[in-house]
Protein backbone atom coordinates (compact mmCIF):
# COMPACT_ATOMS: atom_id res chain seq x y z
CA MET A 1 -64.10 -91.77 84.87
CA PRO A 2 -63.64 -89.24 87.70
CA ARG A 3 -66.22 -89.34 90.52
CA THR A 4 -66.84 -85.59 90.21
CA PRO A 5 -68.30 -83.84 87.13
CA VAL A 6 -65.65 -82.79 84.65
CA PRO A 7 -66.27 -79.19 83.60
CA PRO A 8 -66.04 -78.18 79.96
CA PRO A 9 -62.81 -76.46 78.94
CA SER A 10 -62.37 -72.78 79.58
CA PRO A 11 -61.06 -70.59 76.76
CA ASN A 12 -58.91 -68.84 79.38
CA ARG A 13 -57.24 -72.02 80.64
CA PRO A 14 -54.78 -73.76 78.36
CA ASP A 15 -54.47 -76.62 80.87
CA ALA A 16 -58.10 -77.54 80.13
CA ALA A 17 -57.36 -78.51 76.55
CA GLY A 18 -57.69 -82.23 77.21
CA ALA A 19 -60.95 -82.11 79.16
CA ASP A 20 -64.13 -82.32 77.12
CA GLY A 21 -66.51 -82.03 80.04
CA ASP A 22 -69.23 -84.45 81.06
CA ARG A 23 -72.55 -84.86 79.32
CA ILE A 24 -75.84 -84.76 81.20
CA PRO A 25 -76.08 -88.58 81.68
CA GLU A 26 -72.64 -88.67 83.30
CA LYS A 27 -73.56 -85.71 85.51
CA ILE A 28 -76.74 -87.45 86.66
CA ALA A 29 -74.71 -90.43 87.85
CA LYS A 30 -72.12 -88.21 89.52
CA TYR A 31 -74.69 -86.26 91.53
CA VAL A 32 -75.62 -89.42 93.45
CA PRO A 33 -73.72 -89.03 96.73
CA ALA A 34 -73.25 -92.80 97.05
CA GLU A 35 -70.41 -92.71 99.56
CA THR A 36 -72.21 -90.56 102.10
CA LEU A 37 -75.56 -92.23 101.47
CA ALA A 38 -73.87 -95.54 102.30
CA PHE A 39 -73.21 -94.00 105.72
CA PHE A 40 -76.49 -92.16 106.19
CA VAL A 41 -79.15 -94.63 105.01
CA PRO A 42 -78.29 -97.42 107.49
CA VAL A 43 -77.82 -94.91 110.31
CA ALA A 44 -81.24 -93.37 109.56
CA ALA A 45 -82.83 -96.82 109.46
CA LEU A 46 -81.24 -97.68 112.79
CA LEU A 47 -82.36 -94.43 114.42
CA GLY A 48 -85.84 -94.30 112.92
CA THR A 49 -88.14 -91.50 114.05
CA ASN A 50 -87.49 -92.02 117.78
CA HIS A 51 -84.10 -90.29 117.79
CA LYS A 52 -84.74 -87.03 115.94
CA GLY A 53 -81.72 -85.19 117.34
CA LEU A 54 -79.33 -87.95 116.34
CA LEU A 55 -80.99 -88.18 112.94
CA VAL A 56 -80.40 -84.46 112.36
CA ILE A 57 -76.77 -84.82 113.46
CA ALA A 58 -76.28 -87.79 111.10
CA ALA A 59 -77.82 -85.81 108.23
CA LEU A 60 -75.52 -82.86 108.93
CA VAL A 61 -72.49 -85.16 109.08
CA GLY A 62 -73.53 -86.68 105.73
CA ALA A 63 -74.08 -83.23 104.23
CA ALA A 64 -70.67 -82.00 105.40
CA GLY A 65 -69.00 -85.23 104.40
CA THR A 66 -70.30 -85.11 100.83
CA PRO A 67 -68.27 -82.12 99.57
CA GLY A 68 -65.36 -83.12 101.81
CA TYR A 69 -65.15 -86.59 100.32
CA LEU A 70 -65.58 -85.29 96.79
CA TYR A 71 -62.92 -82.63 97.31
CA LEU A 72 -60.44 -85.31 98.39
CA GLN A 73 -61.32 -87.33 95.28
CA ALA A 74 -60.95 -84.26 93.04
CA LYS A 75 -57.46 -83.52 94.37
CA ARG A 76 -56.30 -86.69 92.58
CA LEU A 77 -57.48 -85.41 89.20
CA PRO A 78 -55.58 -83.27 86.72
CA ALA A 79 -56.41 -79.57 87.12
CA ALA A 80 -58.47 -79.53 83.90
CA GLU A 81 -60.79 -82.24 85.23
CA ARG A 82 -61.42 -80.83 88.70
CA PRO A 83 -64.95 -79.62 89.36
CA LEU A 84 -65.77 -75.96 89.72
CA TRP A 85 -66.82 -74.49 93.09
CA HIS A 86 -70.54 -74.73 92.39
CA PHE A 87 -70.35 -78.52 92.21
CA TYR A 88 -69.69 -78.70 95.95
CA VAL A 89 -72.74 -76.57 96.73
CA LEU A 90 -74.90 -78.69 94.43
CA SER A 91 -73.51 -81.89 95.98
CA VAL A 92 -74.81 -80.85 99.42
CA ILE A 93 -78.24 -80.13 97.95
CA GLY A 94 -78.04 -83.48 96.19
CA PHE A 95 -77.21 -85.26 99.44
CA PHE A 96 -80.24 -83.80 101.23
CA CYS A 97 -82.55 -84.66 98.32
CA TRP A 98 -81.25 -88.23 98.14
CA ALA A 99 -81.39 -88.58 101.93
CA LEU A 100 -85.04 -87.44 101.89
CA GLY A 101 -85.93 -89.73 99.03
CA THR A 102 -84.28 -92.82 100.48
CA THR A 103 -85.04 -92.56 104.20
CA ALA A 104 -88.56 -92.34 105.53
CA ALA A 105 -87.33 -91.12 108.93
CA LEU A 106 -85.78 -87.93 107.53
CA ALA A 107 -88.77 -87.26 105.28
CA ASP A 108 -91.09 -87.75 108.26
CA LEU A 109 -88.94 -85.40 110.35
CA ILE A 110 -89.68 -82.50 108.00
CA GLY A 111 -93.28 -83.52 107.36
CA LEU A 112 -93.02 -85.09 103.91
CA ASP A 113 -94.78 -88.32 103.00
CA GLU A 114 -93.07 -90.95 100.83
CA LYS A 115 -94.54 -89.65 97.58
CA ALA A 116 -93.52 -86.05 98.25
CA ALA A 117 -90.00 -87.17 99.23
CA GLY A 118 -89.81 -89.20 96.02
CA VAL A 119 -90.83 -86.19 93.96
CA VAL A 120 -88.14 -84.07 95.66
CA LEU A 121 -85.59 -86.72 94.70
CA LEU A 122 -86.80 -86.94 91.09
CA ILE A 123 -86.65 -83.16 90.72
CA ALA A 124 -83.09 -83.17 92.08
CA VAL A 125 -82.00 -85.96 89.72
CA PHE A 126 -83.33 -83.92 86.81
CA ALA A 127 -82.42 -80.40 87.94
CA LEU A 128 -78.96 -80.63 89.53
CA PRO A 129 -77.08 -81.62 86.34
CA LEU A 130 -78.94 -78.89 84.44
CA VAL A 131 -78.07 -76.28 87.08
CA ASP A 132 -74.46 -77.48 86.87
CA SER A 133 -74.46 -76.98 83.10
CA LEU A 134 -76.00 -73.52 83.46
CA ALA A 135 -73.42 -72.55 86.10
CA ASN A 136 -70.63 -73.73 83.78
CA THR A 137 -72.03 -71.55 81.01
CA LEU A 138 -72.31 -68.52 83.31
CA GLN A 139 -68.67 -69.01 84.29
CA GLY A 140 -67.60 -68.84 80.65
CA ARG A 141 -67.42 -72.58 80.06
CA SER A 142 -69.84 -73.40 77.31
CA ASN A 143 -70.90 -77.01 77.60
CA VAL A 144 -73.60 -76.95 74.95
CA ALA A 145 -71.58 -79.42 72.88
CA THR A 146 -71.44 -81.82 75.81
CA ILE A 147 -75.19 -81.79 76.40
CA ALA A 148 -76.10 -83.27 73.04
CA PRO A 149 -73.89 -84.27 70.14
CA THR A 150 -74.33 -82.44 66.88
CA VAL A 151 -76.00 -84.16 63.93
CA GLY A 152 -73.61 -86.52 62.23
CA SER A 153 -71.12 -86.68 65.09
CA PRO A 154 -70.39 -89.99 66.82
CA THR A 155 -71.98 -90.40 70.25
């Protein structure tokens, strides 16, 4: 399974014939920026709220590293399975939401308490894969069939 969301096939791209596209559950898992969170969470815990400038720099490094890392991973995939441009934008948003939801220091820096940061994270977990599906549809890649199987089809 590729680390980046696999877009549904495009009717204009014959090379996409083998790619079915990811379903929402797979997209939810793929919008967790685990690699950059593995960098950011311990750094944020080490810095705490006493080093706000360094915390901001670490967050920006994590945000920039997220699409960079995912782009390098996507280069290894066949063309039909590479994510579309909007995935990289959504991955940065995902990083910030996960960073807020998993580090009290960053949430405190922008004035969010733990509950509010948790709600931001939950909204992101729910919304980012849906926005990805909508963006695919707007780009002419219907992924309705990959959101939910039709009645009688195997899951």
